[in-house]
Amino acid sequence: MDILRHLVLENPLSPCIVLGLVAVAAGLIWSRTGSRRALAVIVAAGGAAAVLAILSIAVETDEERVDRSLRIMAQAGARGDAEALIERISPQYGNAPAALSESTGGTSQGQTVSSRDSIVAVVRFGLGRVRVSAEDPAIRMGDQQATVTQTYRFSPAPGQQFALPPSHNYITWEATLAPDPDGQWRVRAAMAVRPERMTPEEAARQLHRALPRP
């Protein structure tokens, strides 16, 4: 069922190509023989391809919802819009299922998952001082949850004069997202995994150390 959903909704190009080849072959037969069966195949293949195209546009999959949420966060980080990014942090942040907490270095490794108030403070502090550009994410879908690995480049915000440690200009984060009651996919947990494992609070402390002293 998952394979069918993937083909129909997320990657309709492949079945559309197959249907197109079938229609072309049937068209050649019809042009030579005038066969009604061949004409029926042409109509059926064309109709099926049209239905697939409409479904892929009209129906938004969970993976597409996750990708949209990530793009909203990336755009917010790039322009320094802390509140827009905070809106994508779930009210249930820190209450990720056990499997999600483990994947992001949670309690299974003796580290505490951040509270939402703490992560909100980190976002406001960070985006007041840096701008963030995001690379393409790797999304792994599960049952009503997604694990995302994405690398971000950090640079000083306009008017800020400081230098981050070279090893921390690029930081790879792993986050877990899940749908909230309103259907929006939001972040439930996050942990830096490269160049070293650290919580958002630890990343904020590194940024604070890099700031010039008054």
N, C-alpha and C. Protein backbone atom coordinates (compact mmCIF):
# COMPACT_ATOMS: atom_id res chain seq x y z
N MET A 1 0.83 -1.20 0.00
CA MET A 1 0.00 0.00 0.00
C MET A 1 0.87 1.25 0.00
N ASP A 2 1.95 1.24 0.80
CA ASP A 2 2.86 2.38 0.85
C ASP A 2 3.51 2.63 -0.50
N ILE A 3 3.87 1.54 -1.19
CA ILE A 3 4.49 1.68 -2.51
C ILE A 3 3.51 2.28 -3.49
N LEU A 4 2.25 1.83 -3.43
CA LEU A 4 1.22 2.38 -4.32
C LEU A 4 1.00 3.86 -4.05
N ARG A 5 0.93 4.23 -2.75
CA ARG A 5 0.74 5.64 -2.41
C ARG A 5 1.91 6.48 -2.88
N HIS A 6 3.12 5.94 -2.74
CA HIS A 6 4.31 6.67 -3.19
C HIS A 6 4.27 6.90 -4.70
N LEU A 7 3.90 5.86 -5.45
CA LEU A 7 3.87 5.99 -6.90
C LEU A 7 2.77 6.94 -7.37
N VAL A 8 1.61 6.84 -6.73
CA VAL A 8 0.46 7.62 -7.20
C VAL A 8 0.56 9.08 -6.77
N LEU A 9 0.95 9.33 -5.51
CA LEU A 9 0.89 10.68 -4.98
C LEU A 9 2.22 11.41 -4.98
N GLU A 10 3.33 10.70 -4.71
CA GLU A 10 4.60 11.38 -4.53
C GLU A 10 5.50 11.28 -5.76
N ASN A 11 5.32 10.25 -6.57
CA ASN A 11 6.19 10.10 -7.74
C ASN A 11 5.37 9.58 -8.91
N PRO A 12 4.40 10.39 -9.39
CA PRO A 12 3.52 9.92 -10.46
C PRO A 12 4.19 9.88 -11.83
N LEU A 13 5.40 10.44 -11.93
CA LEU A 13 6.05 10.51 -13.24
C LEU A 13 6.28 9.12 -13.83
N SER A 14 6.76 8.18 -13.00
CA SER A 14 7.06 6.84 -13.51
C SER A 14 5.82 6.14 -14.08
N PRO A 15 4.70 6.04 -13.32
CA PRO A 15 3.52 5.41 -13.92
C PRO A 15 2.98 6.19 -15.11
N CYS A 16 3.12 7.51 -15.12
CA CYS A 16 2.65 8.30 -16.26
C CYS A 16 3.47 7.98 -17.51
N ILE A 17 4.78 7.77 -17.33
CA ILE A 17 5.63 7.39 -18.47
C ILE A 17 5.20 6.04 -19.02
N VAL A 18 4.95 5.08 -18.09
CA VAL A 18 4.50 3.75 -18.53
C VAL A 18 3.19 3.86 -19.28
N LEU A 19 2.26 4.63 -18.75
CA LEU A 19 0.97 4.79 -19.43
C LEU A 19 1.14 5.49 -20.77
N GLY A 20 2.07 6.44 -20.85
CA GLY A 20 2.33 7.10 -22.12
C GLY A 20 2.88 6.15 -23.16
N LEU A 21 3.79 5.26 -22.75
CA LEU A 21 4.34 4.26 -23.68
C LEU A 21 3.25 3.31 -24.16
N VAL A 22 2.37 2.93 -23.22
CA VAL A 22 1.25 2.06 -23.61
C VAL A 22 0.38 2.76 -24.64
N ALA A 23 0.09 4.06 -24.40
CA ALA A 23 -0.75 4.81 -25.33
C ALA A 23 -0.10 4.94 -26.70
N VAL A 24 1.23 5.16 -26.72
CA VAL A 24 1.95 5.27 -28.00
C VAL A 24 1.89 3.96 -28.76
N ALA A 25 2.14 2.84 -28.05
CA ALA A 25 2.09 1.53 -28.71
C ALA A 25 0.69 1.25 -29.25
N ALA A 26 -0.32 1.57 -28.44
CA ALA A 26 -1.69 1.35 -28.89
C ALA A 26 -2.02 2.26 -30.07
N GLY A 27 -1.45 3.47 -30.06
CA GLY A 27 -1.68 4.39 -31.16
C GLY A 27 -1.10 3.88 -32.47
N LEU A 28 0.07 3.26 -32.39
CA LEU A 28 0.67 2.68 -33.60
C LEU A 28 -0.21 1.55 -34.15
N ILE A 29 -0.69 0.72 -33.23
CA ILE A 29 -1.56 -0.39 -33.67
C ILE A 29 -2.84 0.16 -34.29
N TRP A 30 -3.43 1.17 -33.63
CA TRP A 30 -4.68 1.74 -34.15
C TRP A 30 -4.49 2.40 -35.52
N SER A 31 -3.33 3.07 -35.71
CA SER A 31 -3.08 3.74 -37.00
C SER A 31 -2.94 2.74 -38.14
N ARG A 32 -2.49 1.52 -37.81
CA ARG A 32 -2.28 0.51 -38.85
C ARG A 32 -3.52 -0.37 -39.07
N THR A 33 -4.27 -0.60 -37.99
CA THR A 33 -5.36 -1.57 -38.10
C THR A 33 -6.74 -0.95 -37.88
N GLY A 34 -6.78 0.23 -37.24
CA GLY A 34 -8.07 0.82 -36.91
C GLY A 34 -8.81 0.07 -35.82
N SER A 35 -8.07 -0.69 -35.03
CA SER A 35 -8.68 -1.53 -34.00
C SER A 35 -9.37 -0.68 -32.94
N ARG A 36 -10.61 -1.05 -32.60
CA ARG A 36 -11.32 -0.34 -31.55
C ARG A 36 -10.71 -0.61 -30.18
N ARG A 37 -10.19 -1.81 -30.02
CA ARG A 37 -9.53 -2.14 -28.75
C ARG A 37 -8.33 -1.24 -28.52
N ALA A 38 -7.54 -1.03 -29.58
CA ALA A 38 -6.38 -0.15 -29.46
C ALA A 38 -6.81 1.27 -29.11
N LEU A 39 -7.90 1.72 -29.73
CA LEU A 39 -8.41 3.06 -29.44
C LEU A 39 -8.88 3.15 -27.98
N ALA A 40 -9.52 2.09 -27.50
CA ALA A 40 -9.96 2.07 -26.10
C ALA A 40 -8.78 2.12 -25.14
N VAL A 41 -7.68 1.43 -25.50
CA VAL A 41 -6.47 1.45 -24.68
C VAL A 41 -5.89 2.86 -24.63
N ILE A 42 -5.88 3.55 -25.78
CA ILE A 42 -5.37 4.92 -25.83
C ILE A 42 -6.16 5.82 -24.88
N VAL A 43 -7.50 5.71 -24.97
CA VAL A 43 -8.36 6.54 -24.12
C VAL A 43 -8.16 6.21 -22.64
N ALA A 44 -8.09 4.91 -22.33
CA ALA A 44 -7.93 4.49 -20.93
C ALA A 44 -6.59 4.94 -20.36
N ALA A 45 -5.52 4.77 -21.14
CA ALA A 45 -4.19 5.16 -20.67
C ALA A 45 -4.09 6.67 -20.48
N GLY A 46 -4.65 7.41 -21.44
CA GLY A 46 -4.64 8.86 -21.30
C GLY A 46 -5.45 9.33 -20.11
N GLY A 47 -6.60 8.72 -19.90
CA GLY A 47 -7.43 9.09 -18.76
C GLY A 47 -6.76 8.77 -17.44
N ALA A 48 -6.13 7.59 -17.37
CA ALA A 48 -5.44 7.21 -16.13
C ALA A 48 -4.29 8.16 -15.83
N ALA A 49 -3.53 8.55 -16.86
CA ALA A 49 -2.43 9.49 -16.66
C ALA A 49 -2.94 10.83 -16.17
N ALA A 50 -4.07 11.28 -16.72
CA ALA A 50 -4.66 12.55 -16.29
C ALA A 50 -5.10 12.49 -14.82
N VAL A 51 -5.71 11.37 -14.42
CA VAL A 51 -6.15 11.21 -13.04
C VAL A 51 -4.95 11.22 -12.09
N LEU A 52 -3.87 10.53 -12.46
CA LEU A 52 -2.67 10.52 -11.63
C LEU A 52 -2.11 11.93 -11.47
N ALA A 53 -2.07 12.68 -12.56
CA ALA A 53 -1.54 14.04 -12.50
C ALA A 53 -2.39 14.91 -11.58
N ILE A 54 -3.71 14.79 -11.68
CA ILE A 54 -4.61 15.58 -10.84
C ILE A 54 -4.45 15.22 -9.37
N LEU A 55 -4.38 13.92 -9.07
CA LEU A 55 -4.22 13.48 -7.69
C LEU A 55 -2.91 13.97 -7.08
N SER A 56 -1.83 13.91 -7.86
CA SER A 56 -0.52 14.34 -7.34
C SER A 56 -0.51 15.82 -7.01
N ILE A 57 -1.33 16.61 -7.71
CA ILE A 57 -1.41 18.05 -7.46
C ILE A 57 -2.38 18.35 -6.32
N ALA A 58 -3.52 17.65 -6.31
CA ALA A 58 -4.59 17.97 -5.37
C ALA A 58 -4.35 17.42 -3.96
N VAL A 59 -3.65 16.29 -3.85
CA VAL A 59 -3.48 15.64 -2.56
C VAL A 59 -2.06 15.90 -2.04
N GLU A 60 -1.97 16.48 -0.83
CA GLU A 60 -0.68 16.74 -0.21
C GLU A 60 -0.35 15.59 0.75
N THR A 61 0.77 14.93 0.53
CA THR A 61 1.16 13.81 1.37
C THR A 61 1.83 14.31 2.64
N ASP A 62 1.99 13.40 3.61
CA ASP A 62 2.66 13.76 4.85
C ASP A 62 4.09 14.23 4.58
N GLU A 63 4.79 13.56 3.68
CA GLU A 63 6.17 13.97 3.39
C GLU A 63 6.20 15.38 2.78
N GLU A 64 5.23 15.69 1.96
CA GLU A 64 5.16 17.04 1.39
C GLU A 64 4.84 18.07 2.48
N ARG A 65 4.03 17.69 3.46
CA ARG A 65 3.73 18.61 4.57
C ARG A 65 5.00 18.85 5.40
N VAL A 66 5.75 17.79 5.64
CA VAL A 66 7.02 17.94 6.37
C VAL A 66 7.97 18.85 5.59
N ASP A 67 8.10 18.61 4.30
CA ASP A 67 8.99 19.42 3.47
C ASP A 67 8.55 20.89 3.49
N ARG A 68 7.25 21.13 3.44
CA ARG A 68 6.76 22.51 3.47
C ARG A 68 7.11 23.18 4.79
N SER A 69 6.95 22.45 5.91
CA SER A 69 7.30 23.00 7.21
C SER A 69 8.78 23.33 7.28
N LEU A 70 9.62 22.46 6.74
CA LEU A 70 11.06 22.70 6.74
C LEU A 70 11.41 23.93 5.91
N ARG A 71 10.73 24.10 4.77
CA ARG A 71 11.01 25.28 3.93
C ARG A 71 10.60 26.56 4.64
N ILE A 72 9.49 26.54 5.37
CA ILE A 72 9.08 27.71 6.13
C ILE A 72 10.13 28.06 7.18
N MET A 73 10.65 27.04 7.86
CA MET A 73 11.68 27.29 8.88
C MET A 73 12.97 27.79 8.25
N ALA A 74 13.35 27.22 7.10
CA ALA A 74 14.57 27.66 6.43
C ALA A 74 14.46 29.12 6.00
N GLN A 75 13.31 29.50 5.47
CA GLN A 75 13.11 30.89 5.05
C GLN A 75 13.13 31.83 6.25
N ALA A 76 12.55 31.39 7.37
CA ALA A 76 12.57 32.21 8.58
C ALA A 76 13.99 32.39 9.10
N GLY A 77 14.78 31.31 9.07
CA GLY A 77 16.17 31.41 9.53
C GLY A 77 17.00 32.31 8.64
N ALA A 78 16.73 32.30 7.34
CA ALA A 78 17.50 33.10 6.41
C ALA A 78 17.24 34.59 6.58
N ARG A 79 16.00 34.96 6.95
CA ARG A 79 15.69 36.39 7.11
C ARG A 79 15.68 36.83 8.57
N GLY A 80 15.99 35.92 9.49
CA GLY A 80 16.07 36.27 10.91
C GLY A 80 14.72 36.46 11.57
N ASP A 81 13.70 35.77 11.08
CA ASP A 81 12.35 35.90 11.61
C ASP A 81 12.12 34.84 12.69
N ALA A 82 12.46 35.19 13.92
CA ALA A 82 12.38 34.22 15.01
C ALA A 82 10.96 33.75 15.25
N GLU A 83 9.99 34.66 15.19
CA GLU A 83 8.62 34.28 15.52
C GLU A 83 8.04 33.30 14.50
N ALA A 84 8.40 33.48 13.21
CA ALA A 84 7.91 32.55 12.18
C ALA A 84 8.51 31.16 12.41
N LEU A 85 9.76 31.11 12.84
CA LEU A 85 10.38 29.81 13.11
C LEU A 85 9.77 29.18 14.37
N ILE A 86 9.54 30.00 15.38
CA ILE A 86 8.96 29.49 16.63
C ILE A 86 7.58 28.89 16.38
N GLU A 87 6.83 29.45 15.42
CA GLU A 87 5.51 28.93 15.12
C GLU A 87 5.57 27.49 14.63
N ARG A 88 6.73 27.07 14.11
CA ARG A 88 6.88 25.70 13.62
C ARG A 88 7.40 24.76 14.71
N ILE A 89 7.54 25.26 15.93
CA ILE A 89 7.94 24.42 17.07
C ILE A 89 6.68 23.99 17.80
N SER A 90 6.48 22.72 17.93
CA SER A 90 5.24 22.19 18.50
C SER A 90 5.06 22.59 19.96
N PRO A 91 3.82 22.88 20.39
CA PRO A 91 3.56 23.06 21.82
C PRO A 91 3.96 21.83 22.63
N GLN A 92 4.06 20.68 21.94
CA GLN A 92 4.46 19.44 22.61
C GLN A 92 5.96 19.18 22.48
N TYR A 93 6.72 20.21 22.13
CA TYR A 93 8.17 20.03 22.01
C TYR A 93 8.73 19.47 23.32
N GLY A 94 9.57 18.46 23.18
CA GLY A 94 10.12 17.78 24.36
C GLY A 94 9.30 16.57 24.77
N ASN A 95 8.12 16.40 24.15
CA ASN A 95 7.28 15.24 24.45
C ASN A 95 7.24 14.27 23.28
N ALA A 96 8.37 14.16 22.56
CA ALA A 96 8.43 13.24 21.44
C ALA A 96 8.36 11.81 21.95
N PRO A 97 7.78 10.88 21.15
CA PRO A 97 7.78 9.46 21.53
C PRO A 97 9.20 8.97 21.79
N ALA A 98 9.34 7.90 22.55
CA ALA A 98 10.65 7.40 22.96
C ALA A 98 11.57 7.17 21.77
N ALA A 99 11.04 6.57 20.70
CA ALA A 99 11.89 6.27 19.55
C ALA A 99 12.46 7.55 18.95
N LEU A 100 11.66 8.62 18.98
CA LEU A 100 12.14 9.89 18.43
C LEU A 100 13.20 10.48 19.34
N SER A 101 12.98 10.42 20.65
CA SER A 101 13.97 10.95 21.58
C SER A 101 15.31 10.24 21.42
N GLU A 102 15.26 8.93 21.23
CA GLU A 102 16.51 8.18 21.06
C GLU A 102 17.22 8.59 19.79
N SER A 103 16.47 8.80 18.71
CA SER A 103 17.10 9.13 17.43
C SER A 103 17.77 10.49 17.48
N THR A 104 17.30 11.38 18.38
CA THR A 104 17.91 12.69 18.47
C THR A 104 18.77 12.84 19.72
N GLY A 105 19.23 11.72 20.25
CA GLY A 105 20.13 11.79 21.40
C GLY A 105 19.41 12.12 22.69
N GLY A 106 18.22 11.60 22.86
CA GLY A 106 17.42 11.93 24.02
C GLY A 106 17.81 11.14 25.25
N THR A 107 16.81 10.76 26.01
CA THR A 107 17.07 10.21 27.33
C THR A 107 17.83 8.90 27.28
N SER A 108 17.81 8.20 26.15
CA SER A 108 18.52 6.93 26.08
C SER A 108 20.02 7.13 26.19
N GLN A 109 20.51 8.35 25.96
CA GLN A 109 21.94 8.61 26.06
C GLN A 109 22.25 9.55 27.23
N GLY A 110 21.27 9.67 28.13
CA GLY A 110 21.52 10.47 29.32
C GLY A 110 21.39 11.96 29.09
N GLN A 111 20.87 12.39 27.96
CA GLN A 111 20.70 13.80 27.69
C GLN A 111 19.23 14.16 27.79
N THR A 112 18.95 15.33 28.31
CA THR A 112 17.57 15.75 28.51
C THR A 112 17.07 16.48 27.27
N VAL A 113 15.87 16.13 26.82
CA VAL A 113 15.27 16.83 25.70
C VAL A 113 14.85 18.22 26.17
N SER A 114 15.15 19.24 25.38
CA SER A 114 14.86 20.62 25.75
C SER A 114 13.36 20.83 25.94
N SER A 115 13.02 21.80 26.79
CA SER A 115 11.62 22.21 26.90
C SER A 115 11.31 23.22 25.80
N ARG A 116 10.03 23.44 25.53
CA ARG A 116 9.67 24.40 24.49
C ARG A 116 10.11 25.81 24.88
N ASP A 117 9.93 26.20 26.15
CA ASP A 117 10.34 27.54 26.57
C ASP A 117 11.83 27.74 26.34
N SER A 118 12.60 26.69 26.61
CA SER A 118 14.04 26.79 26.42
C SER A 118 14.41 26.95 24.96
N ILE A 119 13.79 26.14 24.08
CA ILE A 119 14.12 26.22 22.66
C ILE A 119 13.65 27.54 22.06
N VAL A 120 12.53 28.08 22.54
CA VAL A 120 12.06 29.39 22.07
C VAL A 120 13.09 30.47 22.42
N ALA A 121 13.61 30.41 23.65
CA ALA A 121 14.63 31.39 24.06
C ALA A 121 15.88 31.26 23.20
N VAL A 122 16.27 30.03 22.86
CA VAL A 122 17.44 29.81 22.01
C VAL A 122 17.21 30.41 20.62
N VAL A 123 16.03 30.20 20.05
CA VAL A 123 15.74 30.72 18.71
C VAL A 123 15.79 32.25 18.71
N ARG A 124 15.19 32.88 19.70
CA ARG A 124 15.18 34.35 19.75
C ARG A 124 16.59 34.89 19.95
N PHE A 125 17.35 34.26 20.82
CA PHE A 125 18.74 34.70 21.02
C PHE A 125 19.56 34.51 19.75
N GLY A 126 19.43 33.33 19.15
CA GLY A 126 20.27 33.01 17.98
C GLY A 126 19.95 33.88 16.78
N LEU A 127 18.68 34.01 16.43
CA LEU A 127 18.32 34.75 15.22
C LEU A 127 18.45 36.26 15.40
N GLY A 128 18.68 36.70 16.64
CA GLY A 128 19.04 38.10 16.83
C GLY A 128 20.49 38.38 16.48
N ARG A 129 21.26 37.30 16.26
CA ARG A 129 22.69 37.46 16.05
C ARG A 129 23.23 36.75 14.82
N VAL A 130 22.54 35.74 14.32
CA VAL A 130 23.02 35.00 13.15
C VAL A 130 21.92 34.88 12.11
N ARG A 131 22.35 34.56 10.90
CA ARG A 131 21.43 34.16 9.85
C ARG A 131 21.79 32.74 9.46
N VAL A 132 20.79 32.01 9.00
CA VAL A 132 20.96 30.58 8.77
C VAL A 132 20.50 30.24 7.36
N SER A 133 21.35 29.52 6.62
CA SER A 133 20.95 28.99 5.32
C SER A 133 20.96 27.47 5.39
N ALA A 134 19.94 26.85 4.81
CA ALA A 134 19.74 25.41 4.96
C ALA A 134 20.03 24.68 3.67
N GLU A 135 20.68 23.53 3.79
CA GLU A 135 20.85 22.63 2.66
C GLU A 135 19.62 21.74 2.53
N ASP A 136 19.54 20.97 1.45
CA ASP A 136 18.39 20.10 1.26
C ASP A 136 18.31 19.06 2.37
N PRO A 137 17.12 18.81 2.91
CA PRO A 137 16.99 17.86 4.02
C PRO A 137 16.88 16.42 3.53
N ALA A 138 17.25 15.50 4.42
CA ALA A 138 16.95 14.07 4.23
C ALA A 138 15.80 13.75 5.17
N ILE A 139 14.68 13.30 4.60
CA ILE A 139 13.46 13.05 5.38
C ILE A 139 13.19 11.55 5.41
N ARG A 140 13.03 11.01 6.61
CA ARG A 140 12.68 9.60 6.79
C ARG A 140 11.32 9.56 7.48
N MET A 141 10.33 9.05 6.73
CA MET A 141 8.97 9.03 7.26
C MET A 141 8.72 7.76 8.06
N GLY A 142 8.00 7.92 9.16
CA GLY A 142 7.54 6.79 9.95
C GLY A 142 6.03 6.86 10.10
N ASP A 143 5.50 6.19 11.10
CA ASP A 143 4.07 6.20 11.36
C ASP A 143 3.73 7.45 12.17
N GLN A 144 3.16 8.45 11.50
CA GLN A 144 2.80 9.73 12.13
C GLN A 144 4.00 10.42 12.76
N GLN A 145 5.15 10.28 12.15
CA GLN A 145 6.35 10.96 12.62
C GLN A 145 7.37 11.00 11.50
N ALA A 146 8.28 11.94 11.58
CA ALA A 146 9.34 12.05 10.57
C ALA A 146 10.63 12.42 11.27
N THR A 147 11.72 11.81 10.80
CA THR A 147 13.06 12.16 11.28
C THR A 147 13.77 12.88 10.14
N VAL A 148 14.29 14.05 10.43
CA VAL A 148 14.90 14.90 9.41
C VAL A 148 16.35 15.17 9.77
N THR A 149 17.24 15.00 8.80
CA THR A 149 18.64 15.38 8.96
C THR A 149 18.93 16.49 7.97
N GLN A 150 19.45 17.60 8.47
CA GLN A 150 19.65 18.77 7.61
C GLN A 150 20.85 19.57 8.11
N THR A 151 21.66 20.05 7.18
CA THR A 151 22.83 20.85 7.51
C THR A 151 22.53 22.32 7.30
N TYR A 152 22.96 23.14 8.26
CA TYR A 152 22.72 24.57 8.21
C TYR A 152 24.05 25.32 8.26
N ARG A 153 24.11 26.40 7.50
CA ARG A 153 25.28 27.28 7.55
C ARG A 153 24.92 28.51 8.37
N PHE A 154 25.76 28.82 9.35
CA PHE A 154 25.52 29.95 10.24
C PHE A 154 26.49 31.08 9.91
N SER A 155 25.98 32.30 9.82
CA SER A 155 26.81 33.47 9.56
C SER A 155 26.28 34.63 10.37
N PRO A 156 27.12 35.61 10.70
CA PRO A 156 26.65 36.75 11.50
C PRO A 156 25.52 37.51 10.81
N ALA A 157 24.55 37.95 11.60
CA ALA A 157 23.47 38.78 11.07
C ALA A 157 24.02 40.15 10.70
N PRO A 158 23.32 40.89 9.85
CA PRO A 158 23.78 42.23 9.50
C PRO A 158 24.01 43.08 10.75
N GLY A 159 25.16 43.74 10.80
CA GLY A 159 25.50 44.59 11.94
C GLY A 159 26.21 43.86 13.06
N GLN A 160 26.32 42.54 12.96
CA GLN A 160 27.01 41.76 13.99
C GLN A 160 28.47 41.53 13.60
N GLN A 161 29.37 41.76 14.55
CA GLN A 161 30.80 41.61 14.30
C GLN A 161 31.37 40.53 15.21
N PHE A 162 31.43 39.31 14.72
CA PHE A 162 32.05 38.22 15.47
C PHE A 162 32.32 37.08 14.51
N ALA A 163 33.11 36.13 14.95
CA ALA A 163 33.45 34.97 14.11
C ALA A 163 33.13 33.70 14.88
N LEU A 164 32.37 32.83 14.25
CA LEU A 164 32.12 31.52 14.84
C LEU A 164 33.35 30.64 14.67
N PRO A 165 33.53 29.64 15.54
CA PRO A 165 34.60 28.67 15.30
C PRO A 165 34.42 28.04 13.92
N PRO A 166 35.50 27.93 13.11
CA PRO A 166 35.35 27.39 11.75
C PRO A 166 34.61 26.06 11.70
N SER A 167 34.82 25.22 12.70
CA SER A 167 34.18 23.91 12.69
C SER A 167 32.67 24.00 12.91
N HIS A 168 32.19 25.18 13.33
CA HIS A 168 30.77 25.32 13.63
C HIS A 168 30.06 26.29 12.68
N ASN A 169 30.72 26.63 11.57
CA ASN A 169 30.01 27.40 10.55
C ASN A 169 28.90 26.56 9.92
N TYR A 170 29.15 25.25 9.84
CA TYR A 170 28.15 24.31 9.32
C TYR A 170 27.82 23.32 10.43
N ILE A 171 26.56 23.21 10.77
CA ILE A 171 26.14 22.28 11.81
C ILE A 171 25.00 21.42 11.24
N THR A 172 25.13 20.12 11.41
CA THR A 172 24.08 19.19 10.97
C THR A 172 23.18 18.86 12.15
N TRP A 173 21.90 19.09 11.95
CA TRP A 173 20.92 18.84 13.00
C TRP A 173 20.03 17.67 12.61
N GLU A 174 19.60 16.94 13.61
CA GLU A 174 18.59 15.90 13.41
C GLU A 174 17.38 16.29 14.25
N ALA A 175 16.24 16.33 13.60
CA ALA A 175 15.02 16.75 14.28
C ALA A 175 13.91 15.73 14.03
N THR A 176 12.97 15.70 14.95
CA THR A 176 11.79 14.87 14.77
C THR A 176 10.58 15.78 14.65
N LEU A 177 9.72 15.49 13.69
CA LEU A 177 8.50 16.25 13.48
C LEU A 177 7.31 15.30 13.56
N ALA A 178 6.20 15.83 14.01
CA ALA A 178 4.96 15.06 14.09
C ALA A 178 3.80 16.03 13.90
N PRO A 179 2.64 15.53 13.48
CA PRO A 179 1.50 16.42 13.26
C PRO A 179 0.86 16.85 14.57
N ASP A 180 0.56 18.15 14.68
CA ASP A 180 -0.21 18.67 15.80
C ASP A 180 -1.70 18.53 15.49
N PRO A 181 -2.56 18.81 16.46
CA PRO A 181 -4.02 18.66 16.22
C PRO A 181 -4.54 19.45 15.03
N ASP A 182 -3.87 20.56 14.67
CA ASP A 182 -4.34 21.34 13.52
C ASP A 182 -3.86 20.78 12.18
N GLY A 183 -3.14 19.63 12.23
CA GLY A 183 -2.66 18.99 11.01
C GLY A 183 -1.31 19.47 10.54
N GLN A 184 -0.76 20.50 11.17
CA GLN A 184 0.54 21.03 10.79
C GLN A 184 1.65 20.18 11.40
N TRP A 185 2.67 19.88 10.59
CA TRP A 185 3.81 19.12 11.09
C TRP A 185 4.80 20.11 11.72
N ARG A 186 5.10 19.87 13.01
CA ARG A 186 6.01 20.77 13.72
C ARG A 186 7.10 19.98 14.44
N VAL A 187 8.14 20.70 14.84
CA VAL A 187 9.31 20.07 15.47
C VAL A 187 8.95 19.66 16.90
N ARG A 188 9.30 18.41 17.23
CA ARG A 188 9.09 17.89 18.59
C ARG A 188 10.40 17.75 19.36
N ALA A 189 11.52 17.58 18.65
CA ALA A 189 12.82 17.43 19.31
C ALA A 189 13.90 17.75 18.30
N ALA A 190 15.06 18.21 18.79
CA ALA A 190 16.17 18.53 17.89
C ALA A 190 17.49 18.36 18.62
N MET A 191 18.49 17.92 17.87
CA MET A 191 19.83 17.71 18.43
C MET A 191 20.85 17.88 17.31
N ALA A 192 21.92 18.62 17.58
CA ALA A 192 23.03 18.69 16.62
C ALA A 192 23.78 17.36 16.65
N VAL A 193 24.14 16.85 15.47
CA VAL A 193 24.87 15.58 15.40
C VAL A 193 26.26 15.73 14.79
N ARG A 194 26.52 16.82 14.08
CA ARG A 194 27.85 17.10 13.54
C ARG A 194 28.07 18.60 13.55
N PRO A 195 29.29 19.08 13.88
CA PRO A 195 30.54 18.35 14.10
C PRO A 195 30.62 17.64 15.44
N GLU A 196 29.67 17.91 16.33
CA GLU A 196 29.61 17.20 17.60
C GLU A 196 28.16 17.17 18.07
N ARG A 197 27.86 16.24 18.95
CA ARG A 197 26.51 16.17 19.48
C ARG A 197 26.34 17.27 20.51
N MET A 198 25.27 18.06 20.37
CA MET A 198 24.98 19.09 21.35
C MET A 198 23.52 19.48 21.25
N THR A 199 22.99 19.92 22.37
CA THR A 199 21.62 20.39 22.42
C THR A 199 21.55 21.80 21.85
N PRO A 200 20.35 22.29 21.54
CA PRO A 200 20.24 23.69 21.10
C PRO A 200 20.80 24.65 22.13
N GLU A 201 20.62 24.37 23.43
CA GLU A 201 21.16 25.25 24.46
C GLU A 201 22.68 25.29 24.41
N GLU A 202 23.31 24.13 24.18
CA GLU A 202 24.77 24.09 24.08
C GLU A 202 25.26 24.87 22.87
N ALA A 203 24.51 24.79 21.76
CA ALA A 203 24.87 25.57 20.57
C ALA A 203 24.76 27.07 20.86
N ALA A 204 23.72 27.45 21.60
CA ALA A 204 23.56 28.86 21.96
C ALA A 204 24.70 29.34 22.85
N ARG A 205 25.17 28.49 23.75
CA ARG A 205 26.29 28.87 24.61
C ARG A 205 27.56 29.07 23.78
N GLN A 206 27.76 28.21 22.76
CA GLN A 206 28.92 28.40 21.89
C GLN A 206 28.84 29.72 21.16
N LEU A 207 27.64 30.08 20.68
CA LEU A 207 27.45 31.36 20.02
C LEU A 207 27.74 32.50 21.00
N HIS A 208 27.27 32.38 22.22
CA HIS A 208 27.48 33.44 23.20
C HIS A 208 28.97 33.65 23.46
N ARG A 209 29.74 32.55 23.51
CA ARG A 209 31.17 32.68 23.75
C ARG A 209 31.88 33.37 22.58
N ALA A 210 31.31 33.24 21.36
CA ALA A 210 31.94 33.86 20.20
C ALA A 210 31.63 35.35 20.08
N LEU A 211 30.64 35.83 20.82
CA LEU A 211 30.27 37.25 20.72
C LEU A 211 31.32 38.14 21.37
N PRO A 212 31.55 39.32 20.80
CA PRO A 212 32.53 40.25 21.42
C PRO A 212 32.03 40.73 22.77
N ARG A 213 32.94 40.89 23.70
CA ARG A 213 32.57 41.39 25.04
C ARG A 213 32.48 42.91 25.02
N PRO A 214 31.47 43.46 25.68
CA PRO A 214 31.33 44.93 25.67
C PRO A 214 32.48 45.61 26.39
